[in-house]
Amino acid sequence: IFALARTVGWIAQWNEMISDPEQKIGRPRQLYVGEAKRDVVPLDKNADVDFHELAPLPDGQGVIYTVHRVATGTDTIEAFAAGARHVVLQLPGENLRRPVYSPSGHLLYQRESTIPGIWAVKFSPSSLKTEGDPFLVAPGASSPSISADGTLAFVRPSAARPDLVWADRAGVVTLIATLPQGYAGVGPLQAA
């Protein structure tokens, strides 16, 4: 997304350079001038490897993400809010991925170990606490994504080789490519 937003500027600069007869070699570049690099979410280098799949909480309250821990892998979902890390959900022995907040008041996430699929648990973004037991939403599914109106989209497993397609606003679907054999476990995008 970062590169896409700047593509128009790069193309304009390139067109300007190649239209100048004095220009022998074009070397477009972008120099970042801004704040020094800094950690937004502090990493405990003794316990954490890194963070994965950040997603926003409503009204700019913070972000949720999975924590890749040195000893236990990605068995924890945390929130970073008000300048601090908060453990939201920890399931020892599980592999948790792609947490997203739903306007229904639930935290959805992908579970990859026992009973794989998309799971949900009641969640309060103001208290950063879950309530009750997690429940299975879509068996075997992955990559949950929630729209602002609460529509859930996800990838359902399929034995068929998936196609990469472009769907325009009129609903016309154009095949771009059939994905290689290595993607055989990934199926079509579903909306619920």
N, C-alpha and C. Protein backbone atom coordinates (compact mmCIF):
# COMPACT_ATOMS: atom_id res chain seq x y z
N ILE A 1 0.83 -1.18 0.00
CA ILE A 1 0.00 0.00 0.00
C ILE A 1 0.88 1.25 0.00
N PHE A 2 1.99 1.21 0.74
CA PHE A 2 2.90 2.34 0.81
C PHE A 2 3.36 2.73 -0.60
N ALA A 3 3.77 1.74 -1.38
CA ALA A 3 4.29 2.01 -2.72
C ALA A 3 3.19 2.45 -3.67
N LEU A 4 1.98 1.87 -3.51
CA LEU A 4 0.89 2.22 -4.41
C LEU A 4 0.53 3.70 -4.31
N ALA A 5 0.51 4.22 -3.11
CA ALA A 5 0.13 5.62 -2.92
C ALA A 5 1.14 6.57 -3.56
N ARG A 6 2.37 6.15 -3.69
CA ARG A 6 3.41 7.01 -4.25
C ARG A 6 3.64 6.79 -5.74
N THR A 7 2.98 5.80 -6.30
CA THR A 7 3.21 5.45 -7.70
C THR A 7 2.91 6.61 -8.64
N VAL A 8 1.84 7.34 -8.39
CA VAL A 8 1.48 8.47 -9.25
C VAL A 8 2.60 9.50 -9.28
N GLY A 9 3.16 9.81 -8.14
CA GLY A 9 4.27 10.77 -8.07
C GLY A 9 5.51 10.27 -8.79
N TRP A 10 5.79 8.98 -8.62
CA TRP A 10 6.97 8.41 -9.28
C TRP A 10 6.80 8.42 -10.80
N ILE A 11 5.60 8.08 -11.27
CA ILE A 11 5.35 8.09 -12.71
C ILE A 11 5.47 9.50 -13.26
N ALA A 12 4.92 10.48 -12.54
CA ALA A 12 5.02 11.88 -12.99
C ALA A 12 6.48 12.32 -13.06
N GLN A 13 7.27 11.96 -12.06
CA GLN A 13 8.69 12.32 -12.06
C GLN A 13 9.40 11.62 -13.22
N TRP A 14 9.10 10.35 -13.46
CA TRP A 14 9.72 9.60 -14.55
C TRP A 14 9.37 10.23 -15.90
N ASN A 15 8.09 10.55 -16.11
CA ASN A 15 7.67 11.19 -17.37
C ASN A 15 8.40 12.51 -17.58
N GLU A 16 8.58 13.29 -16.52
CA GLU A 16 9.29 14.56 -16.61
C GLU A 16 10.75 14.32 -17.01
N MET A 17 11.37 13.30 -16.42
CA MET A 17 12.79 13.04 -16.72
C MET A 17 12.98 12.54 -18.15
N ILE A 18 12.12 11.63 -18.62
CA ILE A 18 12.35 11.08 -19.96
C ILE A 18 11.96 12.06 -21.06
N SER A 19 11.15 13.06 -20.74
CA SER A 19 10.79 14.06 -21.76
C SER A 19 11.84 15.16 -21.88
N ASP A 20 12.80 15.21 -20.96
CA ASP A 20 13.87 16.20 -21.00
C ASP A 20 15.02 15.67 -21.86
N PRO A 21 15.31 16.31 -23.04
CA PRO A 21 16.38 15.81 -23.91
C PRO A 21 17.77 15.89 -23.28
N GLU A 22 17.95 16.72 -22.27
CA GLU A 22 19.24 16.85 -21.59
C GLU A 22 19.49 15.68 -20.62
N GLN A 23 18.44 14.99 -20.25
CA GLN A 23 18.54 13.91 -19.27
C GLN A 23 19.08 12.65 -19.94
N LYS A 24 20.23 12.17 -19.51
CA LYS A 24 20.85 10.99 -20.10
C LYS A 24 20.38 9.71 -19.40
N ILE A 25 20.36 9.72 -18.07
CA ILE A 25 19.98 8.54 -17.29
C ILE A 25 18.96 8.99 -16.24
N GLY A 26 17.88 8.26 -16.16
CA GLY A 26 16.87 8.58 -15.15
C GLY A 26 16.99 7.65 -13.96
N ARG A 27 17.11 8.23 -12.79
CA ARG A 27 17.17 7.44 -11.56
C ARG A 27 16.17 8.03 -10.56
N PRO A 28 14.89 7.67 -10.70
CA PRO A 28 13.91 8.22 -9.74
C PRO A 28 14.18 7.69 -8.33
N ARG A 29 13.97 8.53 -7.36
CA ARG A 29 14.15 8.10 -5.97
C ARG A 29 13.29 8.95 -5.06
N GLN A 30 13.03 8.41 -3.91
CA GLN A 30 12.29 9.13 -2.88
C GLN A 30 13.13 9.08 -1.62
N LEU A 31 13.38 10.22 -1.06
CA LEU A 31 14.13 10.30 0.19
C LEU A 31 13.16 10.58 1.32
N TYR A 32 13.18 9.70 2.32
CA TYR A 32 12.33 9.91 3.49
C TYR A 32 13.02 10.87 4.43
N VAL A 33 12.35 11.94 4.76
CA VAL A 33 12.86 12.90 5.73
C VAL A 33 11.79 13.03 6.80
N GLY A 34 12.09 12.57 7.97
CA GLY A 34 11.08 12.62 9.02
C GLY A 34 11.65 12.13 10.33
N GLU A 35 10.76 11.66 11.17
CA GLU A 35 11.13 11.19 12.50
C GLU A 35 12.16 10.07 12.42
N ALA A 36 12.97 9.96 13.43
CA ALA A 36 13.92 8.85 13.53
C ALA A 36 13.14 7.57 13.81
N LYS A 37 13.71 6.42 13.45
CA LYS A 37 13.08 5.14 13.70
C LYS A 37 12.89 4.96 15.20
N ARG A 38 11.70 4.46 15.56
CA ARG A 38 11.42 4.20 16.97
C ARG A 38 10.45 3.04 17.08
N ASP A 39 10.47 2.34 18.18
CA ASP A 39 9.53 1.26 18.44
C ASP A 39 8.21 1.86 18.91
N VAL A 40 7.13 1.48 18.24
CA VAL A 40 5.81 1.94 18.66
C VAL A 40 5.32 1.05 19.79
N VAL A 41 5.43 -0.26 19.60
CA VAL A 41 5.08 -1.22 20.64
C VAL A 41 6.40 -1.81 21.14
N PRO A 42 6.68 -1.66 22.43
CA PRO A 42 7.96 -2.16 22.94
C PRO A 42 8.05 -3.68 22.88
N LEU A 43 9.17 -4.19 22.40
CA LEU A 43 9.42 -5.62 22.26
C LEU A 43 10.28 -6.08 23.43
N ASP A 44 9.84 -7.11 24.15
CA ASP A 44 10.65 -7.71 25.20
C ASP A 44 11.58 -8.71 24.52
N LYS A 45 12.82 -8.32 24.29
CA LYS A 45 13.74 -9.13 23.49
C LYS A 45 14.09 -10.47 24.15
N ASN A 46 13.84 -10.62 25.43
CA ASN A 46 14.08 -11.90 26.10
C ASN A 46 12.91 -12.88 25.92
N ALA A 47 11.70 -12.36 25.71
CA ALA A 47 10.52 -13.22 25.63
C ALA A 47 9.86 -13.22 24.25
N ASP A 48 9.98 -12.12 23.50
CA ASP A 48 9.26 -11.98 22.24
C ASP A 48 10.20 -12.04 21.04
N VAL A 49 9.72 -12.67 19.96
CA VAL A 49 10.45 -12.65 18.70
C VAL A 49 10.02 -11.43 17.91
N ASP A 50 8.70 -11.29 17.70
CA ASP A 50 8.14 -10.15 17.00
C ASP A 50 6.62 -10.15 17.12
N PHE A 51 5.98 -9.21 16.44
CA PHE A 51 4.53 -9.09 16.43
C PHE A 51 4.03 -9.36 15.02
N HIS A 52 2.81 -9.87 14.92
CA HIS A 52 2.23 -10.17 13.61
C HIS A 52 0.84 -9.56 13.49
N GLU A 53 0.48 -9.18 12.27
CA GLU A 53 -0.89 -8.88 11.87
C GLU A 53 -1.61 -7.87 12.78
N LEU A 54 -1.08 -6.67 12.83
CA LEU A 54 -1.72 -5.60 13.60
C LEU A 54 -3.05 -5.22 12.96
N ALA A 55 -4.05 -4.98 13.78
CA ALA A 55 -5.36 -4.54 13.32
C ALA A 55 -5.87 -3.46 14.27
N PRO A 56 -6.58 -2.47 13.75
CA PRO A 56 -7.03 -1.36 14.61
C PRO A 56 -8.19 -1.74 15.50
N LEU A 57 -8.23 -1.11 16.66
CA LEU A 57 -9.41 -1.15 17.51
C LEU A 57 -10.28 0.05 17.15
N PRO A 58 -11.57 0.02 17.47
CA PRO A 58 -12.45 1.13 17.06
C PRO A 58 -12.07 2.46 17.70
N ASP A 59 -12.39 3.53 17.00
CA ASP A 59 -12.20 4.89 17.49
C ASP A 59 -10.76 5.21 17.88
N GLY A 60 -9.80 4.56 17.22
CA GLY A 60 -8.40 4.85 17.50
C GLY A 60 -7.94 4.48 18.89
N GLN A 61 -8.63 3.53 19.53
CA GLN A 61 -8.29 3.15 20.91
C GLN A 61 -6.99 2.38 21.03
N GLY A 62 -6.48 1.87 19.91
CA GLY A 62 -5.25 1.10 19.95
C GLY A 62 -5.23 0.09 18.83
N VAL A 63 -4.36 -0.91 18.97
CA VAL A 63 -4.25 -1.97 17.99
C VAL A 63 -4.22 -3.32 18.69
N ILE A 64 -4.65 -4.36 17.96
CA ILE A 64 -4.52 -5.73 18.44
C ILE A 64 -3.58 -6.46 17.49
N TYR A 65 -2.91 -7.49 18.00
CA TYR A 65 -1.90 -8.19 17.22
C TYR A 65 -1.57 -9.51 17.88
N THR A 66 -0.93 -10.42 17.14
CA THR A 66 -0.43 -11.65 17.75
C THR A 66 1.03 -11.44 18.13
N VAL A 67 1.41 -12.08 19.21
CA VAL A 67 2.78 -12.00 19.71
C VAL A 67 3.47 -13.32 19.43
N HIS A 68 4.59 -13.27 18.74
CA HIS A 68 5.40 -14.46 18.50
C HIS A 68 6.41 -14.54 19.64
N ARG A 69 6.19 -15.46 20.54
CA ARG A 69 7.04 -15.60 21.72
C ARG A 69 8.16 -16.60 21.46
N VAL A 70 9.28 -16.39 22.12
CA VAL A 70 10.44 -17.26 21.97
C VAL A 70 10.09 -18.69 22.38
N ALA A 71 9.45 -18.86 23.52
CA ALA A 71 9.21 -20.19 24.08
C ALA A 71 7.94 -20.86 23.57
N THR A 72 6.91 -20.10 23.23
CA THR A 72 5.59 -20.72 22.97
C THR A 72 5.01 -20.43 21.60
N GLY A 73 5.70 -19.71 20.74
CA GLY A 73 5.15 -19.39 19.42
C GLY A 73 4.08 -18.32 19.52
N THR A 74 3.07 -18.38 18.63
CA THR A 74 2.04 -17.34 18.57
C THR A 74 0.77 -17.79 19.29
N ASP A 75 0.86 -17.96 20.60
CA ASP A 75 -0.29 -18.40 21.38
C ASP A 75 -0.98 -17.25 22.12
N THR A 76 -0.60 -16.00 21.80
CA THR A 76 -1.11 -14.85 22.54
C THR A 76 -1.56 -13.74 21.60
N ILE A 77 -2.71 -13.16 21.92
CA ILE A 77 -3.18 -11.95 21.26
C ILE A 77 -3.12 -10.84 22.29
N GLU A 78 -2.50 -9.73 21.91
CA GLU A 78 -2.38 -8.57 22.80
C GLU A 78 -3.01 -7.35 22.15
N ALA A 79 -3.25 -6.36 22.99
CA ALA A 79 -3.66 -5.03 22.53
C ALA A 79 -2.61 -4.04 23.01
N PHE A 80 -2.35 -3.04 22.20
CA PHE A 80 -1.50 -1.93 22.62
C PHE A 80 -2.40 -0.71 22.66
N ALA A 81 -2.64 -0.19 23.86
CA ALA A 81 -3.53 0.95 24.04
C ALA A 81 -3.04 1.77 25.22
N ALA A 82 -3.23 3.06 25.16
CA ALA A 82 -2.83 3.98 26.22
C ALA A 82 -1.36 3.79 26.59
N GLY A 83 -0.51 3.50 25.59
CA GLY A 83 0.92 3.40 25.81
C GLY A 83 1.40 2.13 26.47
N ALA A 84 0.54 1.11 26.58
CA ALA A 84 0.95 -0.13 27.26
C ALA A 84 0.42 -1.36 26.52
N ARG A 85 1.14 -2.48 26.72
CA ARG A 85 0.71 -3.77 26.18
C ARG A 85 -0.25 -4.44 27.16
N HIS A 86 -1.29 -5.10 26.61
CA HIS A 86 -2.28 -5.79 27.43
C HIS A 86 -2.56 -7.16 26.81
N VAL A 87 -2.38 -8.24 27.59
CA VAL A 87 -2.73 -9.57 27.10
C VAL A 87 -4.24 -9.66 27.03
N VAL A 88 -4.76 -9.98 25.85
CA VAL A 88 -6.20 -10.08 25.62
C VAL A 88 -6.64 -11.53 25.66
N LEU A 89 -5.88 -12.40 24.99
CA LEU A 89 -6.23 -13.82 24.92
C LEU A 89 -4.96 -14.63 24.82
N GLN A 90 -4.84 -15.65 25.65
CA GLN A 90 -3.67 -16.53 25.60
C GLN A 90 -4.17 -17.96 25.69
N LEU A 91 -3.82 -18.77 24.67
CA LEU A 91 -4.22 -20.17 24.62
C LEU A 91 -2.97 -21.01 24.44
N PRO A 92 -2.36 -21.46 25.55
CA PRO A 92 -1.12 -22.24 25.46
C PRO A 92 -1.28 -23.45 24.54
N GLY A 93 -0.27 -23.64 23.69
CA GLY A 93 -0.27 -24.77 22.77
C GLY A 93 -0.98 -24.48 21.45
N GLU A 94 -1.65 -23.37 21.34
CA GLU A 94 -2.36 -23.00 20.11
C GLU A 94 -1.49 -22.08 19.26
N ASN A 95 -1.86 -21.98 17.99
CA ASN A 95 -1.21 -21.03 17.09
C ASN A 95 -2.30 -20.06 16.65
N LEU A 96 -2.29 -18.84 17.20
CA LEU A 96 -3.32 -17.83 16.93
C LEU A 96 -2.81 -16.84 15.90
N ARG A 97 -3.67 -16.47 14.95
CA ARG A 97 -3.27 -15.57 13.88
C ARG A 97 -4.39 -14.58 13.56
N ARG A 98 -4.04 -13.49 12.93
CA ARG A 98 -4.94 -12.51 12.30
C ARG A 98 -6.12 -12.06 13.17
N PRO A 99 -5.85 -11.49 14.34
CA PRO A 99 -6.97 -10.99 15.15
C PRO A 99 -7.60 -9.75 14.52
N VAL A 100 -8.91 -9.66 14.57
CA VAL A 100 -9.64 -8.48 14.10
C VAL A 100 -10.80 -8.22 15.04
N TYR A 101 -11.13 -6.95 15.21
CA TYR A 101 -12.26 -6.58 16.04
C TYR A 101 -13.50 -6.46 15.17
N SER A 102 -14.60 -7.02 15.65
CA SER A 102 -15.88 -6.93 14.95
C SER A 102 -16.78 -5.92 15.66
N PRO A 103 -17.53 -5.10 14.89
CA PRO A 103 -18.46 -4.16 15.52
C PRO A 103 -19.55 -4.84 16.36
N SER A 104 -19.67 -6.17 16.23
CA SER A 104 -20.62 -6.91 17.07
C SER A 104 -20.14 -7.02 18.51
N GLY A 105 -18.90 -6.58 18.76
CA GLY A 105 -18.33 -6.68 20.11
C GLY A 105 -17.57 -7.97 20.33
N HIS A 106 -17.00 -8.51 19.25
CA HIS A 106 -16.24 -9.75 19.33
C HIS A 106 -14.84 -9.56 18.77
N LEU A 107 -13.94 -10.36 19.27
CA LEU A 107 -12.60 -10.49 18.73
C LEU A 107 -12.61 -11.76 17.89
N LEU A 108 -12.31 -11.65 16.61
CA LEU A 108 -12.21 -12.82 15.74
C LEU A 108 -10.74 -13.08 15.47
N TYR A 109 -10.40 -14.36 15.32
CA TYR A 109 -9.01 -14.72 15.06
C TYR A 109 -8.97 -16.08 14.39
N GLN A 110 -7.85 -16.37 13.78
CA GLN A 110 -7.63 -17.66 13.14
C GLN A 110 -6.88 -18.54 14.12
N ARG A 111 -7.36 -19.76 14.29
CA ARG A 111 -6.72 -20.75 15.16
C ARG A 111 -6.21 -21.86 14.25
N GLU A 112 -4.91 -22.20 14.37
CA GLU A 112 -4.30 -23.15 13.43
C GLU A 112 -3.97 -24.50 14.03
N SER A 113 -4.07 -24.67 15.33
CA SER A 113 -3.65 -25.93 15.95
C SER A 113 -4.85 -26.86 16.11
N THR A 114 -5.35 -27.01 17.33
CA THR A 114 -6.51 -27.88 17.53
C THR A 114 -7.77 -27.19 17.01
N ILE A 115 -8.59 -27.91 16.32
CA ILE A 115 -9.82 -27.42 15.71
C ILE A 115 -9.56 -26.12 14.95
N PRO A 116 -8.84 -26.20 13.82
CA PRO A 116 -8.51 -25.00 13.04
C PRO A 116 -9.76 -24.33 12.48
N GLY A 117 -9.66 -23.03 12.33
CA GLY A 117 -10.75 -22.25 11.75
C GLY A 117 -10.74 -20.84 12.30
N ILE A 118 -11.82 -20.13 12.03
CA ILE A 118 -12.00 -18.78 12.58
C ILE A 118 -12.83 -18.91 13.84
N TRP A 119 -12.32 -18.32 14.89
CA TRP A 119 -12.95 -18.35 16.21
C TRP A 119 -13.30 -16.93 16.63
N ALA A 120 -14.21 -16.82 17.60
CA ALA A 120 -14.58 -15.51 18.14
C ALA A 120 -14.75 -15.62 19.65
N VAL A 121 -14.58 -14.50 20.31
CA VAL A 121 -14.84 -14.40 21.73
C VAL A 121 -15.35 -12.99 22.00
N LYS A 122 -16.29 -12.84 22.91
CA LYS A 122 -16.81 -11.52 23.27
C LYS A 122 -15.65 -10.68 23.79
N PHE A 123 -15.58 -9.41 23.35
CA PHE A 123 -14.43 -8.56 23.67
C PHE A 123 -14.86 -7.12 23.83
N SER A 124 -14.36 -6.47 24.88
CA SER A 124 -14.63 -5.06 25.12
C SER A 124 -13.38 -4.25 24.78
N PRO A 125 -13.44 -3.39 23.74
CA PRO A 125 -12.25 -2.58 23.42
C PRO A 125 -11.94 -1.52 24.47
N SER A 126 -12.91 -1.15 25.29
CA SER A 126 -12.63 -0.14 26.32
C SER A 126 -11.90 -0.75 27.52
N SER A 127 -12.27 -1.98 27.92
CA SER A 127 -11.59 -2.61 29.04
C SER A 127 -10.45 -3.53 28.59
N LEU A 128 -10.42 -3.85 27.28
CA LEU A 128 -9.43 -4.74 26.69
C LEU A 128 -9.48 -6.13 27.31
N LYS A 129 -10.69 -6.56 27.64
CA LYS A 129 -10.91 -7.87 28.26
C LYS A 129 -11.86 -8.70 27.41
N THR A 130 -11.62 -10.02 27.41
CA THR A 130 -12.56 -10.95 26.79
C THR A 130 -13.54 -11.42 27.84
N GLU A 131 -14.66 -11.96 27.35
CA GLU A 131 -15.71 -12.41 28.25
C GLU A 131 -16.26 -13.73 27.72
N GLY A 132 -16.30 -14.75 28.52
CA GLY A 132 -16.82 -16.04 28.09
C GLY A 132 -15.78 -16.86 27.35
N ASP A 133 -16.25 -17.98 26.82
CA ASP A 133 -15.36 -18.90 26.11
C ASP A 133 -15.37 -18.60 24.61
N PRO A 134 -14.22 -18.80 23.95
CA PRO A 134 -14.19 -18.66 22.50
C PRO A 134 -15.09 -19.71 21.84
N PHE A 135 -15.65 -19.37 20.66
CA PHE A 135 -16.50 -20.32 19.93
C PHE A 135 -16.10 -20.30 18.45
N LEU A 136 -16.31 -21.44 17.81
CA LEU A 136 -15.94 -21.63 16.41
C LEU A 136 -16.95 -20.93 15.51
N VAL A 137 -16.47 -20.12 14.58
CA VAL A 137 -17.32 -19.38 13.64
C VAL A 137 -17.33 -20.06 12.28
N ALA A 138 -16.15 -20.41 11.76
CA ALA A 138 -16.03 -21.00 10.42
C ALA A 138 -14.97 -22.09 10.47
N PRO A 139 -15.38 -23.36 10.53
CA PRO A 139 -14.40 -24.46 10.61
C PRO A 139 -13.47 -24.48 9.40
N GLY A 140 -12.17 -24.63 9.67
CA GLY A 140 -11.18 -24.75 8.62
C GLY A 140 -10.86 -23.46 7.87
N ALA A 141 -11.58 -22.40 8.13
CA ALA A 141 -11.39 -21.14 7.40
C ALA A 141 -10.18 -20.38 7.95
N SER A 142 -9.73 -19.38 7.19
CA SER A 142 -8.57 -18.58 7.60
C SER A 142 -8.74 -17.14 7.14
N SER A 143 -7.82 -16.31 7.56
CA SER A 143 -7.72 -14.91 7.13
C SER A 143 -8.99 -14.10 7.31
N PRO A 144 -9.52 -14.00 8.53
CA PRO A 144 -10.74 -13.22 8.72
C PRO A 144 -10.51 -11.73 8.46
N SER A 145 -11.50 -11.09 7.88
CA SER A 145 -11.48 -9.66 7.63
C SER A 145 -12.88 -9.13 7.87
N ILE A 146 -12.99 -8.02 8.58
CA ILE A 146 -14.29 -7.46 8.96
C ILE A 146 -14.45 -6.09 8.34
N SER A 147 -15.60 -5.83 7.73
CA SER A 147 -15.88 -4.49 7.20
C SER A 147 -16.48 -3.64 8.32
N ALA A 148 -16.62 -2.35 8.07
CA ALA A 148 -17.17 -1.43 9.08
C ALA A 148 -18.60 -1.79 9.46
N ASP A 149 -19.35 -2.40 8.52
CA ASP A 149 -20.74 -2.77 8.84
C ASP A 149 -20.84 -4.16 9.46
N GLY A 150 -19.70 -4.81 9.71
CA GLY A 150 -19.69 -6.11 10.36
C GLY A 150 -19.66 -7.29 9.42
N THR A 151 -19.58 -7.07 8.12
CA THR A 151 -19.51 -8.18 7.17
C THR A 151 -18.17 -8.89 7.34
N LEU A 152 -18.24 -10.21 7.47
CA LEU A 152 -17.05 -11.03 7.64
C LEU A 152 -16.67 -11.65 6.30
N ALA A 153 -15.43 -11.48 5.88
CA ALA A 153 -14.90 -12.17 4.70
C ALA A 153 -13.76 -13.05 5.18
N PHE A 154 -13.61 -14.22 4.56
CA PHE A 154 -12.56 -15.14 4.95
C PHE A 154 -12.23 -16.07 3.80
N VAL A 155 -11.16 -16.82 3.96
CA VAL A 155 -10.75 -17.81 2.97
C VAL A 155 -11.17 -19.18 3.48
N ARG A 156 -11.91 -19.90 2.63
CA ARG A 156 -12.35 -21.24 2.99
C ARG A 156 -11.43 -22.24 2.27
N PRO A 157 -11.02 -23.32 2.95
CA PRO A 157 -10.13 -24.28 2.31
C PRO A 157 -10.83 -24.98 1.13
N SER A 158 -10.04 -25.34 0.14
CA SER A 158 -10.57 -26.00 -1.04
C SER A 158 -9.51 -26.92 -1.62
N ALA A 159 -9.94 -28.04 -2.18
CA ALA A 159 -9.01 -28.95 -2.84
C ALA A 159 -8.65 -28.44 -4.24
N ALA A 160 -9.48 -27.58 -4.79
CA ALA A 160 -9.23 -27.04 -6.14
C ALA A 160 -8.13 -25.99 -6.09
N ARG A 161 -7.37 -25.88 -7.18
CA ARG A 161 -6.36 -24.83 -7.26
C ARG A 161 -7.08 -23.50 -7.43
N PRO A 162 -6.74 -22.52 -6.62
CA PRO A 162 -7.44 -21.23 -6.70
C PRO A 162 -6.96 -20.36 -7.86
N ASP A 163 -7.83 -19.51 -8.31
CA ASP A 163 -7.49 -18.55 -9.35
C ASP A 163 -7.35 -17.17 -8.72
N LEU A 164 -6.44 -16.37 -9.24
CA LEU A 164 -6.32 -14.98 -8.87
C LEU A 164 -7.13 -14.21 -9.90
N VAL A 165 -8.15 -13.48 -9.45
CA VAL A 165 -9.05 -12.80 -10.37
C VAL A 165 -9.19 -11.33 -9.99
N TRP A 166 -9.64 -10.55 -10.95
CA TRP A 166 -9.96 -9.15 -10.74
C TRP A 166 -11.47 -9.03 -10.89
N ALA A 167 -12.14 -8.48 -9.90
CA ALA A 167 -13.58 -8.25 -9.98
C ALA A 167 -13.80 -6.74 -10.01
N ASP A 168 -14.39 -6.23 -11.10
CA ASP A 168 -14.61 -4.79 -11.20
C ASP A 168 -15.91 -4.41 -10.50
N ARG A 169 -16.20 -3.11 -10.45
CA ARG A 169 -17.38 -2.63 -9.72
C ARG A 169 -18.69 -3.10 -10.32
N ALA A 170 -18.66 -3.49 -11.59
CA ALA A 170 -19.87 -3.99 -12.24
C ALA A 170 -20.05 -5.49 -11.99
N GLY A 171 -19.10 -6.12 -11.31
CA GLY A 171 -19.20 -7.54 -11.01
C GLY A 171 -18.59 -8.43 -12.07
N VAL A 172 -17.92 -7.85 -13.05
CA VAL A 172 -17.27 -8.65 -14.09
C VAL A 172 -15.97 -9.21 -13.52
N VAL A 173 -15.81 -10.53 -13.61
CA VAL A 173 -14.63 -11.20 -13.07
C VAL A 173 -13.71 -11.59 -14.22
N THR A 174 -12.44 -11.16 -14.10
CA THR A 174 -11.44 -11.46 -15.13
C THR A 174 -10.34 -12.30 -14.50
N LEU A 175 -10.02 -13.44 -15.10
CA LEU A 175 -8.95 -14.30 -14.61
C LEU A 175 -7.60 -13.62 -14.85
N ILE A 176 -6.80 -13.52 -13.80
CA ILE A 176 -5.44 -12.97 -13.93
C ILE A 176 -4.44 -14.11 -14.01
N ALA A 177 -4.57 -15.09 -13.11
CA ALA A 177 -3.64 -16.23 -13.12
C ALA A 177 -4.22 -17.34 -12.26
N THR A 178 -3.80 -18.56 -12.56
CA THR A 178 -4.07 -19.69 -11.68
C THR A 178 -2.84 -19.81 -10.79
N LEU A 179 -3.06 -19.84 -9.48
CA LEU A 179 -1.94 -19.87 -8.55
C LEU A 179 -1.21 -21.21 -8.62
N PRO A 180 0.08 -21.22 -8.29
CA PRO A 180 0.86 -22.46 -8.35
C PRO A 180 0.35 -23.52 -7.39
N GLN A 181 0.81 -24.73 -7.60
CA GLN A 181 0.39 -25.88 -6.80
C GLN A 181 0.57 -25.66 -5.31
N GLY A 182 1.56 -24.89 -4.89
CA GLY A 182 1.83 -24.65 -3.46
C GLY A 182 0.69 -23.97 -2.75
N TYR A 183 -0.26 -23.40 -3.46
CA TYR A 183 -1.38 -22.71 -2.85
C TYR A 183 -2.63 -23.57 -2.83
N ALA A 184 -2.50 -24.88 -3.02
CA ALA A 184 -3.65 -25.76 -3.19
C ALA A 184 -4.58 -25.80 -1.98
N GLY A 185 -4.11 -25.48 -0.78
CA GLY A 185 -4.98 -25.53 0.39
C GLY A 185 -5.81 -24.29 0.58
N VAL A 186 -5.60 -23.28 -0.23
CA VAL A 186 -6.33 -22.02 -0.09
C VAL A 186 -7.47 -22.00 -1.08
N GLY A 187 -8.64 -21.62 -0.61
CA GLY A 187 -9.80 -21.64 -1.48
C GLY A 187 -10.34 -20.26 -1.72
N PRO A 188 -11.57 -20.18 -2.19
CA PRO A 188 -12.17 -18.91 -2.55
C PRO A 188 -12.48 -18.05 -1.34
N LEU A 189 -12.49 -16.75 -1.56
CA LEU A 189 -12.87 -15.79 -0.53
C LEU A 189 -14.36 -15.89 -0.32
N GLN A 190 -14.80 -15.95 0.91
CA GLN A 190 -16.22 -16.08 1.24
C GLN A 190 -16.67 -14.84 2.00
N ALA A 191 -17.89 -14.47 1.87
CA ALA A 191 -18.46 -13.40 2.67
C ALA A 191 -19.59 -13.99 3.51
N ALA A 192 -19.66 -13.59 4.75
CA ALA A 192 -20.70 -14.13 5.62
C ALA A 192 -21.53 -12.98 6.18
